[in-house]
């Protein structure tokens, strides 16, 4: 199983940084996995365009350099894990 090399702190709907709510992307060669611990979060990808509602059972995959942003849907706790290759899910 692929292990993340780094994870963000756990954020909630009030501590979620503005940078994650606005368009941003991972660096070249860096995969991300948005993990919701409680509640729901909308993940919006900009290239290719798409969106998903993330829950504790449904994480969101981020490809290297893929522009995206997140939007809390009420109370939420989440973090982002970073990988050097495609995570296992």
N, C-alpha and C. Protein backbone atom coordinates (compact mmCIF):
# COMPACT_ATOMS: atom_id res chain seq x y z
N UNK A 1 0.84 -1.19 0.00
CA UNK A 1 0.00 0.00 0.00
C UNK A 1 0.88 1.25 0.00
N UNK A 2 0.53 2.20 -0.83
CA UNK A 2 1.27 3.45 -0.91
C UNK A 2 0.96 4.32 0.31
N UNK A 3 1.99 4.82 0.94
CA UNK A 3 1.81 5.67 2.11
C UNK A 3 2.08 7.13 1.73
N UNK A 4 1.32 8.07 2.30
CA UNK A 4 1.59 9.48 2.01
C UNK A 4 2.92 9.90 2.62
N UNK A 5 3.61 10.82 1.95
CA UNK A 5 4.85 11.33 2.52
C UNK A 5 4.58 12.56 3.39
N UNK A 6 3.39 13.13 3.25
CA UNK A 6 3.03 14.30 4.06
C UNK A 6 1.52 14.43 4.07
N UNK A 7 0.99 15.00 5.15
CA UNK A 7 -0.44 15.31 5.26
C UNK A 7 -0.59 16.71 5.83
N UNK A 8 -1.67 17.37 5.45
CA UNK A 8 -1.97 18.66 6.07
C UNK A 8 -2.53 18.41 7.47
N UNK A 9 -2.69 19.49 8.20
CA UNK A 9 -3.44 19.43 9.45
C UNK A 9 -4.89 19.10 9.11
N UNK A 10 -5.67 18.75 10.12
CA UNK A 10 -7.10 18.55 9.92
C UNK A 10 -7.76 19.93 9.99
N UNK A 11 -8.52 20.26 8.95
CA UNK A 11 -9.22 21.53 8.87
C UNK A 11 -10.72 21.30 9.01
N UNK A 12 -11.42 22.30 9.54
CA UNK A 12 -12.89 22.26 9.53
C UNK A 12 -13.40 23.41 8.69
N UNK A 13 -14.71 23.59 8.66
CA UNK A 13 -15.30 24.61 7.79
C UNK A 13 -14.86 26.03 8.16
N UNK A 14 -14.38 26.26 9.38
CA UNK A 14 -13.93 27.60 9.78
C UNK A 14 -12.42 27.77 9.65
N UNK A 15 -11.65 26.68 9.75
CA UNK A 15 -10.19 26.78 9.67
C UNK A 15 -9.63 26.44 8.28
N UNK A 16 -10.49 26.02 7.37
CA UNK A 16 -10.05 25.68 6.01
C UNK A 16 -9.42 26.91 5.37
N UNK A 17 -8.13 26.85 5.01
CA UNK A 17 -7.45 28.02 4.46
C UNK A 17 -8.09 28.53 3.17
N UNK A 18 -8.06 29.84 2.99
CA UNK A 18 -8.60 30.46 1.77
C UNK A 18 -7.90 29.90 0.54
N UNK A 19 -6.62 29.55 0.65
CA UNK A 19 -5.88 29.02 -0.50
C UNK A 19 -6.47 27.71 -1.00
N UNK A 20 -7.07 26.90 -0.11
CA UNK A 20 -7.68 25.65 -0.55
C UNK A 20 -9.07 25.86 -1.14
N UNK A 21 -9.68 26.98 -0.78
CA UNK A 21 -11.01 27.32 -1.32
C UNK A 21 -10.91 27.98 -2.70
N UNK A 22 -9.71 28.42 -3.08
CA UNK A 22 -9.46 29.06 -4.37
C UNK A 22 -8.69 28.10 -5.27
N UNK A 23 -8.64 28.40 -6.55
CA UNK A 23 -7.95 27.53 -7.49
C UNK A 23 -6.48 27.36 -7.11
N UNK A 24 -6.04 26.11 -7.06
CA UNK A 24 -4.65 25.78 -6.79
C UNK A 24 -4.39 24.37 -7.35
N UNK A 25 -3.16 23.92 -7.28
CA UNK A 25 -2.84 22.57 -7.77
C UNK A 25 -1.64 22.02 -7.01
N UNK A 26 -1.46 20.71 -7.11
CA UNK A 26 -0.27 20.09 -6.55
C UNK A 26 0.89 20.35 -7.50
N UNK A 27 2.09 20.10 -7.03
CA UNK A 27 3.28 20.29 -7.84
C UNK A 27 3.46 19.12 -8.81
N UNK A 28 4.38 19.28 -9.74
CA UNK A 28 4.71 18.21 -10.68
C UNK A 28 5.15 16.98 -9.90
N UNK A 29 4.62 15.82 -10.26
CA UNK A 29 4.99 14.58 -9.62
C UNK A 29 4.32 14.30 -8.28
N UNK A 30 3.45 15.21 -7.83
CA UNK A 30 2.79 15.05 -6.54
C UNK A 30 1.31 14.74 -6.73
N UNK A 31 0.89 13.62 -6.20
CA UNK A 31 -0.51 13.22 -6.19
C UNK A 31 -1.11 13.63 -4.85
N UNK A 32 -2.39 13.93 -4.82
CA UNK A 32 -3.07 14.26 -3.57
C UNK A 32 -4.31 13.42 -3.39
N UNK A 33 -4.69 13.25 -2.13
CA UNK A 33 -5.94 12.58 -1.80
C UNK A 33 -6.63 13.42 -0.73
N UNK A 34 -7.80 13.96 -1.09
CA UNK A 34 -8.58 14.73 -0.14
C UNK A 34 -9.41 13.74 0.67
N UNK A 35 -9.22 13.75 1.97
CA UNK A 35 -9.92 12.82 2.86
C UNK A 35 -10.83 13.60 3.78
N UNK A 36 -12.12 13.28 3.72
CA UNK A 36 -13.11 13.87 4.63
C UNK A 36 -13.24 12.94 5.82
N UNK A 37 -13.06 13.49 7.01
CA UNK A 37 -13.16 12.70 8.24
C UNK A 37 -14.57 12.76 8.81
N UNK A 38 -15.23 13.91 8.63
CA UNK A 38 -16.62 14.09 9.07
C UNK A 38 -17.29 15.07 8.12
N UNK A 39 -18.56 14.86 7.83
CA UNK A 39 -19.32 15.81 7.01
C UNK A 39 -19.14 15.58 5.52
N UNK A 40 -19.33 16.67 4.75
CA UNK A 40 -19.27 16.60 3.29
C UNK A 40 -18.51 17.80 2.75
N UNK A 41 -17.84 17.60 1.63
CA UNK A 41 -17.02 18.62 1.00
C UNK A 41 -17.16 18.47 -0.50
N UNK A 42 -17.31 19.58 -1.20
CA UNK A 42 -17.36 19.50 -2.67
C UNK A 42 -15.96 19.77 -3.22
N UNK A 43 -15.49 18.86 -4.05
CA UNK A 43 -14.21 19.00 -4.75
C UNK A 43 -14.52 19.33 -6.20
N UNK A 44 -13.95 20.43 -6.68
CA UNK A 44 -14.15 20.85 -8.07
C UNK A 44 -12.81 20.80 -8.79
N UNK A 45 -12.75 20.01 -9.87
CA UNK A 45 -11.57 19.96 -10.73
C UNK A 45 -11.81 20.90 -11.90
N UNK A 46 -10.77 21.59 -12.34
CA UNK A 46 -10.91 22.55 -13.43
C UNK A 46 -10.34 22.05 -14.75
N UNK A 47 -9.47 21.01 -14.73
CA UNK A 47 -8.89 20.48 -15.95
C UNK A 47 -8.49 19.03 -15.74
N UNK A 48 -9.28 18.08 -16.22
CA UNK A 48 -10.57 18.28 -16.88
C UNK A 48 -11.63 18.69 -15.85
N UNK A 49 -12.67 19.35 -16.34
CA UNK A 49 -13.72 19.84 -15.46
C UNK A 49 -14.53 18.71 -14.86
N UNK A 50 -14.87 18.87 -13.60
CA UNK A 50 -15.70 17.89 -12.91
C UNK A 50 -15.85 18.28 -11.46
N UNK A 51 -16.75 17.59 -10.78
CA UNK A 51 -16.89 17.81 -9.35
C UNK A 51 -17.40 16.54 -8.70
N UNK A 52 -17.14 16.45 -7.40
CA UNK A 52 -17.59 15.31 -6.63
C UNK A 52 -17.90 15.77 -5.22
N UNK A 53 -18.86 15.11 -4.60
CA UNK A 53 -19.17 15.33 -3.20
C UNK A 53 -18.38 14.28 -2.41
N UNK A 54 -17.47 14.75 -1.58
CA UNK A 54 -16.63 13.85 -0.80
C UNK A 54 -17.23 13.63 0.58
N UNK A 55 -17.12 12.40 1.06
CA UNK A 55 -17.60 12.00 2.38
C UNK A 55 -16.52 11.13 3.01
N UNK A 56 -16.68 10.70 4.25
CA UNK A 56 -15.68 9.80 4.82
C UNK A 56 -15.49 8.52 4.00
N UNK A 57 -16.49 8.09 3.24
CA UNK A 57 -16.39 6.89 2.41
C UNK A 57 -15.95 7.18 0.98
N UNK A 58 -15.87 8.47 0.61
CA UNK A 58 -15.56 8.85 -0.77
C UNK A 58 -14.46 9.91 -0.78
N UNK A 59 -13.17 9.50 -0.87
CA UNK A 59 -12.09 10.48 -0.96
C UNK A 59 -11.99 11.05 -2.38
N UNK A 60 -11.22 12.12 -2.52
CA UNK A 60 -11.06 12.76 -3.83
C UNK A 60 -9.62 12.73 -4.28
N UNK A 61 -9.37 12.17 -5.46
CA UNK A 61 -8.03 12.03 -6.02
C UNK A 61 -7.64 13.29 -6.78
N UNK A 62 -6.40 13.73 -6.56
CA UNK A 62 -5.83 14.88 -7.27
C UNK A 62 -4.61 14.42 -8.04
N UNK A 63 -4.62 14.63 -9.35
CA UNK A 63 -3.47 14.29 -10.18
C UNK A 63 -2.44 15.42 -10.07
N UNK A 64 -1.17 15.12 -10.36
CA UNK A 64 -0.15 16.17 -10.33
C UNK A 64 -0.54 17.36 -11.20
N UNK A 65 -0.38 18.54 -10.66
CA UNK A 65 -0.62 19.82 -11.34
C UNK A 65 -2.06 20.00 -11.81
N UNK A 66 -3.00 19.26 -11.27
CA UNK A 66 -4.41 19.37 -11.68
C UNK A 66 -5.07 20.51 -10.89
N UNK A 67 -5.52 21.57 -11.56
CA UNK A 67 -6.15 22.68 -10.84
C UNK A 67 -7.49 22.27 -10.23
N UNK A 68 -7.70 22.72 -9.00
CA UNK A 68 -8.90 22.33 -8.26
C UNK A 68 -9.14 23.29 -7.11
N UNK A 69 -10.30 23.16 -6.47
CA UNK A 69 -10.59 23.85 -5.22
C UNK A 69 -11.66 23.08 -4.47
N UNK A 70 -11.81 23.37 -3.17
CA UNK A 70 -12.80 22.68 -2.36
C UNK A 70 -13.76 23.68 -1.74
N UNK A 71 -14.97 23.19 -1.46
CA UNK A 71 -16.03 24.00 -0.85
C UNK A 71 -16.69 23.18 0.25
N UNK A 72 -16.64 23.66 1.51
CA UNK A 72 -17.34 22.93 2.57
C UNK A 72 -18.85 22.94 2.35
N UNK A 73 -19.49 21.84 2.67
CA UNK A 73 -20.95 21.74 2.58
C UNK A 73 -21.47 21.54 4.00
N UNK A 74 -21.42 22.61 4.79
CA UNK A 74 -21.80 22.52 6.20
C UNK A 74 -20.60 22.12 7.04
N UNK A 75 -20.84 21.65 8.26
CA UNK A 75 -19.75 21.23 9.13
C UNK A 75 -18.94 20.10 8.49
N UNK A 76 -17.61 20.24 8.53
CA UNK A 76 -16.75 19.25 7.89
C UNK A 76 -15.40 19.21 8.60
N UNK A 77 -14.77 18.05 8.57
CA UNK A 77 -13.37 17.91 8.98
C UNK A 77 -12.67 17.16 7.86
N UNK A 78 -11.54 17.72 7.40
CA UNK A 78 -10.85 17.13 6.26
C UNK A 78 -9.35 17.38 6.35
N UNK A 79 -8.62 16.61 5.55
CA UNK A 79 -7.18 16.83 5.39
C UNK A 79 -6.80 16.39 3.98
N UNK A 80 -5.61 16.77 3.57
CA UNK A 80 -5.08 16.35 2.27
C UNK A 80 -3.80 15.56 2.52
N UNK A 81 -3.70 14.41 1.87
CA UNK A 81 -2.49 13.58 1.93
C UNK A 81 -1.76 13.72 0.60
N UNK A 82 -0.42 13.69 0.65
CA UNK A 82 0.40 13.87 -0.55
C UNK A 82 1.25 12.63 -0.79
N UNK A 83 1.33 12.23 -2.06
CA UNK A 83 2.01 11.00 -2.48
C UNK A 83 2.96 11.28 -3.64
N UNK A 84 3.97 10.42 -3.78
CA UNK A 84 4.91 10.54 -4.90
C UNK A 84 4.45 9.73 -6.11
N UNK A 85 3.38 8.95 -5.95
CA UNK A 85 2.80 8.17 -7.04
C UNK A 85 1.33 8.04 -6.79
N UNK A 86 0.59 7.41 -7.69
CA UNK A 86 -0.85 7.27 -7.49
C UNK A 86 -1.17 6.53 -6.19
N UNK A 87 -1.98 7.14 -5.32
CA UNK A 87 -2.34 6.47 -4.06
C UNK A 87 -3.30 5.30 -4.33
N UNK A 88 -3.35 4.39 -3.39
CA UNK A 88 -4.19 3.20 -3.52
C UNK A 88 -5.67 3.48 -3.30
N UNK A 89 -6.00 4.66 -2.76
CA UNK A 89 -7.41 4.96 -2.50
C UNK A 89 -7.64 4.94 -1.06
